[in-house]
Full PDB file with SEQRES, HELIX, SHEET, SSBOND, CRYST1, ORIGX, SCALE, CONECT and MASTER records, all heavy atoms in Angstrom:
SEQRES   1 A   37  THR ALA PRO SER PHE VAL THR VAL TYR PRO SER GLY ALA          
SEQRES   2 A   37  ALA ARG PRO THR ALA SER ASN LEU ASN LEU ALA PRO SER          
SEQRES   3 A   37  GLN THR LEU PRO ASN MET VAL ILE VAL PRO VAL                  
SHEET    1 AA1 2 SER A   4  VAL A   6  0                                        
SHEET    2 AA1 2 LEU A  21  LEU A  23 -1                                        
CRYST1    1.000    1.000    1.000  90.00  90.00  90.00 P 1           1          
ORIGX1      1.000000  0.000000  0.000000        0.00000                         
ORIGX2      0.000000  1.000000  0.000000        0.00000                         
ORIGX3      0.000000  0.000000  1.000000        0.00000                         
SCALE1      1.000000  0.000000  0.000000        0.00000                         
SCALE2      0.000000  1.000000  0.000000        0.00000                         
SCALE3      0.000000  0.000000  1.000000        0.00000                         
ATOM      1  N   THR A   1      93.184 119.953 105.977  1.00  0.00           N  
ATOM      2  CA  THR A   1      92.538 120.874 106.924  1.00  0.00           C  
ATOM      3  C   THR A   1      91.957 120.150 108.132  1.00  0.00           C  
ATOM      4  O   THR A   1      91.552 120.792 109.087  1.00  0.00           O  
ATOM      5  CB  THR A   1      91.421 121.662 106.218  1.00  0.00           C  
ATOM      6  OG1 THR A   1      90.488 120.724 105.670  1.00  0.00           O  
ATOM      7  CG2 THR A   1      91.996 122.533 105.113  1.00  0.00           C  
ATOM      8  N   ALA A   2      91.924 118.804 108.082  1.00  0.00           N  
ATOM      9  CA  ALA A   2      91.385 118.005 109.184  1.00  0.00           C  
ATOM     10  C   ALA A   2      92.117 116.671 109.206  1.00  0.00           C  
ATOM     11  O   ALA A   2      92.764 116.300 108.221  1.00  0.00           O  
ATOM     12  CB  ALA A   2      89.892 117.778 108.967  1.00  0.00           C  
ATOM     13  N   PRO A   3      92.018 115.924 110.313  1.00  0.00           N  
ATOM     14  CA  PRO A   3      92.598 114.584 110.318  1.00  0.00           C  
ATOM     15  C   PRO A   3      92.013 113.771 109.162  1.00  0.00           C  
ATOM     16  O   PRO A   3      90.825 113.864 108.866  1.00  0.00           O  
ATOM     17  CB  PRO A   3      92.176 114.009 111.667  1.00  0.00           C  
ATOM     18  CG  PRO A   3      91.914 115.194 112.521  1.00  0.00           C  
ATOM     19  CD  PRO A   3      91.386 116.249 111.591  1.00  0.00           C  
ATOM     20  N   SER A   4      92.861 112.993 108.520  1.00  0.00           N  
ATOM     21  CA  SER A   4      92.432 112.307 107.308  1.00  0.00           C  
ATOM     22  C   SER A   4      93.283 111.073 107.085  1.00  0.00           C  
ATOM     23  O   SER A   4      94.279 110.853 107.778  1.00  0.00           O  
ATOM     24  CB  SER A   4      92.568 113.265 106.118  1.00  0.00           C  
ATOM     25  OG  SER A   4      92.119 112.666 104.937  1.00  0.00           O  
ATOM     26  N   PHE A   5      92.889 110.267 106.098  1.00  0.00           N  
ATOM     27  CA  PHE A   5      93.725 109.151 105.657  1.00  0.00           C  
ATOM     28  C   PHE A   5      93.522 108.927 104.172  1.00  0.00           C  
ATOM     29  O   PHE A   5      92.518 109.341 103.596  1.00  0.00           O  
ATOM     30  CB  PHE A   5      93.456 107.875 106.458  1.00  0.00           C  
ATOM     31  CG  PHE A   5      92.107 107.259 106.238  1.00  0.00           C  
ATOM     32  CD1 PHE A   5      91.896 106.331 105.225  1.00  0.00           C  
ATOM     33  CD2 PHE A   5      91.045 107.592 107.062  1.00  0.00           C  
ATOM     34  CE1 PHE A   5      90.657 105.753 105.032  1.00  0.00           C  
ATOM     35  CE2 PHE A   5      89.792 107.015 106.883  1.00  0.00           C  
ATOM     36  CZ  PHE A   5      89.603 106.100 105.861  1.00  0.00           C  
ATOM     37  N   VAL A   6      94.506 108.278 103.552  1.00  0.00           N  
ATOM     38  CA  VAL A   6      94.477 107.963 102.126  1.00  0.00           C  
ATOM     39  C   VAL A   6      94.729 106.464 101.960  1.00  0.00           C  
ATOM     40  O   VAL A   6      95.623 105.911 102.599  1.00  0.00           O  
ATOM     41  CB  VAL A   6      95.559 108.755 101.352  1.00  0.00           C  
ATOM     42  CG1 VAL A   6      95.591 108.360  99.881  1.00  0.00           C  
ATOM     43  CG2 VAL A   6      95.341 110.253 101.502  1.00  0.00           C  
ATOM     44  N   THR A   7      93.918 105.831 101.113  1.00  0.00           N  
ATOM     45  CA  THR A   7      94.087 104.418 100.791  1.00  0.00           C  
ATOM     46  C   THR A   7      94.148 104.272  99.277  1.00  0.00           C  
ATOM     47  O   THR A   7      93.298 104.805  98.567  1.00  0.00           O  
ATOM     48  CB  THR A   7      92.912 103.586 101.340  1.00  0.00           C  
ATOM     49  OG1 THR A   7      92.816 103.788 102.751  1.00  0.00           O  
ATOM     50  CG2 THR A   7      93.108 102.106 101.052  1.00  0.00           C  
ATOM     51  N   VAL A   8      95.153 103.563  98.773  1.00  0.00           N  
ATOM     52  CA  VAL A   8      95.295 103.280  97.344  1.00  0.00           C  
ATOM     53  C   VAL A   8      95.104 101.778  97.168  1.00  0.00           C  
ATOM     54  O   VAL A   8      95.709 100.988  97.895  1.00  0.00           O  
ATOM     55  CB  VAL A   8      96.680 103.713  96.820  1.00  0.00           C  
ATOM     56  CG1 VAL A   8      96.771 103.515  95.314  1.00  0.00           C  
ATOM     57  CG2 VAL A   8      96.966 105.169  97.188  1.00  0.00           C  
ATOM     58  N   TYR A   9      94.264 101.384  96.194  1.00  0.00           N  
ATOM     59  CA  TYR A   9      93.943  99.973  96.004  1.00  0.00           C  
ATOM     60  C   TYR A   9      93.533  99.716  94.559  1.00  0.00           C  
ATOM     61  O   TYR A   9      93.239 100.656  93.818  1.00  0.00           O  
ATOM     62  CB  TYR A   9      92.841  99.548  96.975  1.00  0.00           C  
ATOM     63  CG  TYR A   9      91.561 100.335  96.863  1.00  0.00           C  
ATOM     64  CD1 TYR A   9      90.456  99.812  96.194  1.00  0.00           C  
ATOM     65  CD2 TYR A   9      91.445 101.609  97.409  1.00  0.00           C  
ATOM     66  CE1 TYR A   9      89.282 100.531  96.070  1.00  0.00           C  
ATOM     67  CE2 TYR A   9      90.278 102.336  97.290  1.00  0.00           C  
ATOM     68  CZ  TYR A   9      89.198 101.785  96.632  1.00  0.00           C  
ATOM     69  OH  TYR A   9      88.037 102.502  96.512  1.00  0.00           O  
ATOM     70  N   PRO A  10      93.505  98.450  94.124  1.00  0.00           N  
ATOM     71  CA  PRO A  10      93.161  98.151  92.733  1.00  0.00           C  
ATOM     72  C   PRO A  10      91.734  98.593  92.409  1.00  0.00           C  
ATOM     73  O   PRO A  10      90.814  98.359  93.200  1.00  0.00           O  
ATOM     74  CB  PRO A  10      93.272  96.627  92.633  1.00  0.00           C  
ATOM     75  CG  PRO A  10      94.050  96.198  93.821  1.00  0.00           C  
ATOM     76  CD  PRO A  10      93.837  97.234  94.876  1.00  0.00           C  
ATOM     77  N   SER A  11      91.549  99.230  91.298  1.00  0.00           N  
ATOM     78  CA  SER A  11      90.227  99.684  90.871  1.00  0.00           C  
ATOM     79  C   SER A  11      89.284  98.488  90.743  1.00  0.00           C  
ATOM     80  O   SER A  11      89.654  97.445  90.210  1.00  0.00           O  
ATOM     81  CB  SER A  11      90.347 100.415  89.533  1.00  0.00           C  
ATOM     82  OG  SER A  11      89.114 100.933  89.149  1.00  0.00           O  
ATOM     83  N   GLY A  12      88.067  98.634  91.270  1.00  0.00           N  
ATOM     84  CA  GLY A  12      87.073  97.575  91.186  1.00  0.00           C  
ATOM     85  C   GLY A  12      87.120  96.599  92.347  1.00  0.00           C  
ATOM     86  O   GLY A  12      86.197  95.817  92.533  1.00  0.00           O  
ATOM     87  N   ALA A  13      88.169  96.627  93.146  1.00  0.00           N  
ATOM     88  CA  ALA A  13      88.284  95.757  94.315  1.00  0.00           C  
ATOM     89  C   ALA A  13      87.638  96.443  95.517  1.00  0.00           C  
ATOM     90  O   ALA A  13      87.453  97.663  95.526  1.00  0.00           O  
ATOM     91  CB  ALA A  13      89.751  95.458  94.615  1.00  0.00           C  
ATOM     92  N   ALA A  14      87.311  95.658  96.530  1.00  0.00           N  
ATOM     93  CA  ALA A  14      86.810  96.250  97.771  1.00  0.00           C  
ATOM     94  C   ALA A  14      87.919  97.080  98.407  1.00  0.00           C  
ATOM     95  O   ALA A  14      89.089  96.677  98.403  1.00  0.00           O  
ATOM     96  CB  ALA A  14      86.370  95.147  98.718  1.00  0.00           C  
ATOM     97  N   ARG A  15      87.551  98.244  98.927  1.00  0.00           N  
ATOM     98  CA  ARG A  15      88.546  99.099  99.577  1.00  0.00           C  
ATOM     99  C   ARG A  15      89.029  98.423 100.859  1.00  0.00           C  
ATOM    100  O   ARG A  15      88.230  98.018 101.691  1.00  0.00           O  
ATOM    101  CB  ARG A  15      87.948 100.465  99.895  1.00  0.00           C  
ATOM    102  CG  ARG A  15      88.937 101.394 100.565  1.00  0.00           C  
ATOM    103  CD  ARG A  15      88.424 102.814 100.689  1.00  0.00           C  
ATOM    104  NE  ARG A  15      87.043 102.962 101.046  1.00  0.00           N  
ATOM    105  CZ  ARG A  15      86.587 103.120 102.295  1.00  0.00           C  
ATOM    106  NH1 ARG A  15      87.435 103.126 103.307  1.00  0.00           N  
ATOM    107  NH2 ARG A  15      85.307 103.269 102.510  1.00  0.00           N  
ATOM    108  N   PRO A  16      90.345  98.296 101.029  1.00  0.00           N  
ATOM    109  CA  PRO A  16      90.872  97.668 102.249  1.00  0.00           C  
ATOM    110  C   PRO A  16      90.641  98.547 103.472  1.00  0.00           C  
ATOM    111  O   PRO A  16      90.424  99.759 103.352  1.00  0.00           O  
ATOM    112  CB  PRO A  16      92.360  97.504 101.969  1.00  0.00           C  
ATOM    113  CG  PRO A  16      92.656  98.307 100.766  1.00  0.00           C  
ATOM    114  CD  PRO A  16      91.380  98.655 100.089  1.00  0.00           C  
ATOM    115  N   THR A  17      90.705  97.942 104.635  1.00  0.00           N  
ATOM    116  CA  THR A  17      90.519  98.706 105.874  1.00  0.00           C  
ATOM    117  C   THR A  17      91.810  99.387 106.320  1.00  0.00           C  
ATOM    118  O   THR A  17      91.780 100.235 107.198  1.00  0.00           O  
ATOM    119  CB  THR A  17      90.008  97.796 107.004  1.00  0.00           C  
ATOM    120  OG1 THR A  17      90.921  96.719 107.177  1.00  0.00           O  
ATOM    121  CG2 THR A  17      88.628  97.253 106.671  1.00  0.00           C  
ATOM    122  N   ALA A  18      92.942  99.024 105.736  1.00  0.00           N  
ATOM    123  CA  ALA A  18      94.223  99.649 106.076  1.00  0.00           C  
ATOM    124  C   ALA A  18      94.456 100.866 105.188  1.00  0.00           C  
ATOM    125  O   ALA A  18      94.054 100.894 104.032  1.00  0.00           O  
ATOM    126  CB  ALA A  18      95.358  98.657 105.891  1.00  0.00           C  
ATOM    127  N   SER A  19      95.115 101.870 105.738  1.00  0.00           N  
ATOM    128  CA  SER A  19      95.420 103.081 104.971  1.00  0.00           C  
ATOM    129  C   SER A  19      96.895 103.103 104.595  1.00  0.00           C  
ATOM    130  O   SER A  19      97.716 102.410 105.189  1.00  0.00           O  
ATOM    131  CB  SER A  19      95.071 104.327 105.788  1.00  0.00           C  
ATOM    132  OG  SER A  19      95.856 104.367 106.960  1.00  0.00           O  
ATOM    133  N   ASN A  20      97.224 103.939 103.601  1.00  0.00           N  
ATOM    134  CA  ASN A  20      98.613 104.134 103.192  1.00  0.00           C  
ATOM    135  C   ASN A  20      99.222 105.381 103.816  1.00  0.00           C  
ATOM    136  O   ASN A  20     100.435 105.460 103.992  1.00  0.00           O  
ATOM    137  CB  ASN A  20      98.715 104.243 101.671  1.00  0.00           C  
ATOM    138  CG  ASN A  20      98.221 102.994 100.991  1.00  0.00           C  
ATOM    139  OD1 ASN A  20      97.145 102.999 100.398  1.00  0.00           O  
ATOM    140  ND2 ASN A  20      98.956 101.906 101.087  1.00  0.00           N  
ATOM    141  N   LEU A  21      98.377 106.364 104.121  1.00  0.00           N  
ATOM    142  CA  LEU A  21      98.818 107.599 104.780  1.00  0.00           C  
ATOM    143  C   LEU A  21      97.812 107.956 105.859  1.00  0.00           C  
ATOM    144  O   LEU A  21      96.596 107.870 105.630  1.00  0.00           O  
ATOM    145  CB  LEU A  21      98.853 108.776 103.797  1.00  0.00           C  
ATOM    146  CG  LEU A  21      99.887 108.801 102.693  1.00  0.00           C  
ATOM    147  CD1 LEU A  21      99.590 109.951 101.745  1.00  0.00           C  
ATOM    148  CD2 LEU A  21     101.268 108.966 103.263  1.00  0.00           C  
ATOM    149  N   ASN A  22      98.284 108.373 107.025  1.00  0.00           N  
ATOM    150  CA  ASN A  22      97.437 108.900 108.089  1.00  0.00           C  
ATOM    151  C   ASN A  22      97.914 110.315 108.374  1.00  0.00           C  
ATOM    152  O   ASN A  22      99.092 110.518 108.661  1.00  0.00           O  
ATOM    153  CB  ASN A  22      97.540 108.033 109.342  1.00  0.00           C  
ATOM    154  CG  ASN A  22      96.998 106.654 109.090  1.00  0.00           C  
ATOM    155  OD1 ASN A  22      95.835 106.494 108.774  1.00  0.00           O  
ATOM    156  ND2 ASN A  22      97.848 105.650 109.202  1.00  0.00           N  
ATOM    157  N   LEU A  23      96.997 111.267 108.287  1.00  0.00           N  
ATOM    158  CA  LEU A  23      97.394 112.671 108.287  1.00  0.00           C  
ATOM    159  C   LEU A  23      96.789 113.470 109.424  1.00  0.00           C  
ATOM    160  O   LEU A  23      95.646 113.241 109.814  1.00  0.00           O  
ATOM    161  CB  LEU A  23      96.939 113.311 106.966  1.00  0.00           C  
ATOM    162  CG  LEU A  23      97.396 112.562 105.724  1.00  0.00           C  
ATOM    163  CD1 LEU A  23      96.488 112.848 104.573  1.00  0.00           C  
ATOM    164  CD2 LEU A  23      98.816 112.944 105.435  1.00  0.00           C  
ATOM    165  N   ALA A  24      97.557 114.423 109.891  1.00  0.00           N  
ATOM    166  CA  ALA A  24      97.081 115.420 110.838  1.00  0.00           C  
ATOM    167  C   ALA A  24      96.931 116.745 110.095  1.00  0.00           C  
ATOM    168  O   ALA A  24      97.550 116.943 109.046  1.00  0.00           O  
ATOM    169  CB  ALA A  24      98.083 115.565 111.982  1.00  0.00           C  
ATOM    170  N   PRO A  25      96.116 117.667 110.618  1.00  0.00           N  
ATOM    171  CA  PRO A  25      95.968 118.971 109.953  1.00  0.00           C  
ATOM    172  C   PRO A  25      97.314 119.665 109.750  1.00  0.00           C  
ATOM    173  O   PRO A  25      98.222 119.557 110.575  1.00  0.00           O  
ATOM    174  CB  PRO A  25      95.089 119.759 110.921  1.00  0.00           C  
ATOM    175  CG  PRO A  25      94.308 118.715 111.649  1.00  0.00           C  
ATOM    176  CD  PRO A  25      95.256 117.558 111.791  1.00  0.00           C  
ATOM    177  N   SER A  26      97.429 120.339 108.624  1.00  0.00           N  
ATOM    178  CA  SER A  26      98.605 121.151 108.248  1.00  0.00           C  
ATOM    179  C   SER A  26      99.871 120.331 108.020  1.00  0.00           C  
ATOM    180  O   SER A  26     100.955 120.888 107.945  1.00  0.00           O  
ATOM    181  CB  SER A  26      98.872 122.234 109.290  1.00  0.00           C  
ATOM    182  OG  SER A  26      97.744 123.060 109.439  1.00  0.00           O  
ATOM    183  N   GLN A  27      99.755 119.043 107.883  1.00  0.00           N  
ATOM    184  CA  GLN A  27     100.914 118.177 107.698  1.00  0.00           C  
ATOM    185  C   GLN A  27     101.139 117.915 106.211  1.00  0.00           C  
ATOM    186  O   GLN A  27     100.195 117.837 105.428  1.00  0.00           O  
ATOM    187  CB  GLN A  27     100.650 116.853 108.416  1.00  0.00           C  
ATOM    188  CG  GLN A  27     101.785 115.886 108.449  1.00  0.00           C  
ATOM    189  CD  GLN A  27     101.419 114.629 109.247  1.00  0.00           C  
ATOM    190  OE1 GLN A  27     100.282 114.209 109.266  1.00  0.00           O  
ATOM    191  NE2 GLN A  27     102.412 114.046 109.878  1.00  0.00           N  
ATOM    192  N   THR A  28     102.389 117.793 105.809  1.00  0.00           N  
ATOM    193  CA  THR A  28     102.736 117.307 104.473  1.00  0.00           C  
ATOM    194  C   THR A  28     103.450 115.981 104.673  1.00  0.00           C  
ATOM    195  O   THR A  28     104.434 115.902 105.404  1.00  0.00           O  
ATOM    196  CB  THR A  28     103.648 118.306 103.736  1.00  0.00           C  
ATOM    197  OG1 THR A  28     102.918 119.513 103.541  1.00  0.00           O  
ATOM    198  CG2 THR A  28     104.089 117.751 102.395  1.00  0.00           C  
ATOM    199  N   LEU A  29     102.897 114.928 104.033  1.00  0.00           N  
ATOM    200  CA  LEU A  29     103.417 113.590 104.291  1.00  0.00           C  
ATOM    201  C   LEU A  29     103.465 112.778 103.004  1.00  0.00           C  
ATOM    202  O   LEU A  29     102.443 112.562 102.367  1.00  0.00           O  
ATOM    203  CB  LEU A  29     102.511 112.885 105.311  1.00  0.00           C  
ATOM    204  CG  LEU A  29     102.973 111.534 105.815  1.00  0.00           C  
ATOM    205  CD1 LEU A  29     104.261 111.666 106.628  1.00  0.00           C  
ATOM    206  CD2 LEU A  29     101.882 110.912 106.670  1.00  0.00           C  
ATOM    207  N   PRO A  30     104.668 112.318 102.596  1.00  0.00           N  
ATOM    208  CA  PRO A  30     104.785 111.416 101.446  1.00  0.00           C  
ATOM    209  C   PRO A  30     104.893 109.973 101.927  1.00  0.00           C  
ATOM    210  O   PRO A  30     105.297 109.703 103.061  1.00  0.00           O  
ATOM    211  CB  PRO A  30     106.090 111.861 100.795  1.00  0.00           C  
ATOM    212  CG  PRO A  30     106.927 112.299 101.962  1.00  0.00           C  
ATOM    213  CD  PRO A  30     105.966 112.874 102.977  1.00  0.00           C  
ATOM    214  N   ASN A  31     104.542 109.053 101.056  1.00  0.00           N  
ATOM    215  CA  ASN A  31     104.729 107.633 101.340  1.00  0.00           C  
ATOM    216  C   ASN A  31     104.811 106.871 100.030  1.00  0.00           C  
ATOM    217  O   ASN A  31     104.046 107.134  99.108  1.00  0.00           O  
ATOM    218  CB  ASN A  31     103.571 107.093 102.181  1.00  0.00           C  
ATOM    219  CG  ASN A  31     103.871 105.727 102.766  1.00  0.00           C  
ATOM    220  OD1 ASN A  31     105.020 105.381 103.004  1.00  0.00           O  
ATOM    221  ND2 ASN A  31     102.832 104.951 102.999  1.00  0.00           N  
ATOM    222  N   MET A  32     105.732 105.903  99.964  1.00  0.00           N  
ATOM    223  CA  MET A  32     105.793 105.029  98.801  1.00  0.00           C  
ATOM    224  C   MET A  32     104.797 103.899  99.015  1.00  0.00           C  
ATOM    225  O   MET A  32     104.755 103.293 100.083  1.00  0.00           O  
ATOM    226  CB  MET A  32     107.183 104.442  98.610  1.00  0.00           C  
ATOM    227  CG  MET A  32     107.280 103.642  97.333  1.00  0.00           C  
ATOM    228  SD  MET A  32     108.941 103.045  97.052  1.00  0.00           S  
ATOM    229  CE  MET A  32     108.620 101.307  97.054  1.00  0.00           C  
ATOM    230  N   VAL A  33     103.988 103.660  97.991  1.00  0.00           N  
ATOM    231  CA  VAL A  33     102.927 102.664  98.058  1.00  0.00           C  
ATOM    232  C   VAL A  33     103.158 101.655  96.939  1.00  0.00           C  
ATOM    233  O   VAL A  33     103.359 102.042  95.790  1.00  0.00           O  
ATOM    234  CB  VAL A  33     101.549 103.345  97.870  1.00  0.00           C  
ATOM    235  CG1 VAL A  33     100.442 102.330  97.821  1.00  0.00           C  
ATOM    236  CG2 VAL A  33     101.310 104.373  98.968  1.00  0.00           C  
ATOM    237  N   ILE A  34     103.129 100.384  97.275  1.00  0.00           N  
ATOM    238  CA  ILE A  34     103.150  99.338  96.256  1.00  0.00           C  
ATOM    239  C   ILE A  34     101.757  98.736  96.233  1.00  0.00           C  
ATOM    240  O   ILE A  34     101.276  98.230  97.254  1.00  0.00           O  
ATOM    241  CB  ILE A  34     104.220  98.279  96.548  1.00  0.00           C  
ATOM    242  CG1 ILE A  34     105.597  98.938  96.553  1.00  0.00           C  
ATOM    243  CG2 ILE A  34     104.142  97.150  95.519  1.00  0.00           C  
ATOM    244  CD1 ILE A  34     106.735  98.037  96.936  1.00  0.00           C  
ATOM    245  N   VAL A  35     101.090  98.849  95.086  1.00  0.00           N  
ATOM    246  CA  VAL A  35      99.690  98.454  94.989  1.00  0.00           C  
ATOM    247  C   VAL A  35      99.461  97.618  93.735  1.00  0.00           C  
ATOM    248  O   VAL A  35      99.990  97.937  92.670  1.00  0.00           O  
ATOM    249  CB  VAL A  35      98.779  99.701  95.010  1.00  0.00           C  
ATOM    250  CG1 VAL A  35      99.073 100.631  93.875  1.00  0.00           C  
ATOM    251  CG2 VAL A  35      97.321  99.333  95.035  1.00  0.00           C  
ATOM    252  N   PRO A  36      98.683  96.524  93.857  1.00  0.00           N  
ATOM    253  CA  PRO A  36      98.308  95.773  92.656  1.00  0.00           C  
ATOM    254  C   PRO A  36      97.448  96.646  91.746  1.00  0.00           C  
ATOM    255  O   PRO A  36      96.746  97.548  92.216  1.00  0.00           O  
ATOM    256  CB  PRO A  36      97.489  94.596  93.199  1.00  0.00           C  
ATOM    257  CG  PRO A  36      97.822  94.521  94.646  1.00  0.00           C  
ATOM    258  CD  PRO A  36      98.154  95.911  95.072  1.00  0.00           C  
ATOM    259  N   VAL A  37      97.487  96.372  90.464  1.00  0.00           N  
ATOM    260  CA  VAL A  37      96.629  97.093  89.522  1.00  0.00           C  
ATOM    261  C   VAL A  37      95.489  96.174  89.099  1.00  0.00           C  
ATOM    262  O   VAL A  37      95.606  94.947  89.132  1.00  0.00           O  
ATOM    263  CB  VAL A  37      97.407  97.590  88.277  1.00  0.00           C  
ATOM    264  CG1 VAL A  37      98.470  98.589  88.670  1.00  0.00           C  
ATOM    265  CG2 VAL A  37      98.021  96.448  87.513  1.00  0.00           C  
TER     266      VAL A  37                                                      
MASTER        0    0    0    0    2    0    0    6  265    1    0    3          
END                                                                             
């Protein structure tokens, strides 16, 4: 419903400043993410 972003990262680690998805309102956006566990 608003501009947004999604970040996926290892649990317990500091959240990175880079995002995996950058979104605009009403958009549907997929992305493949490779993330350490």
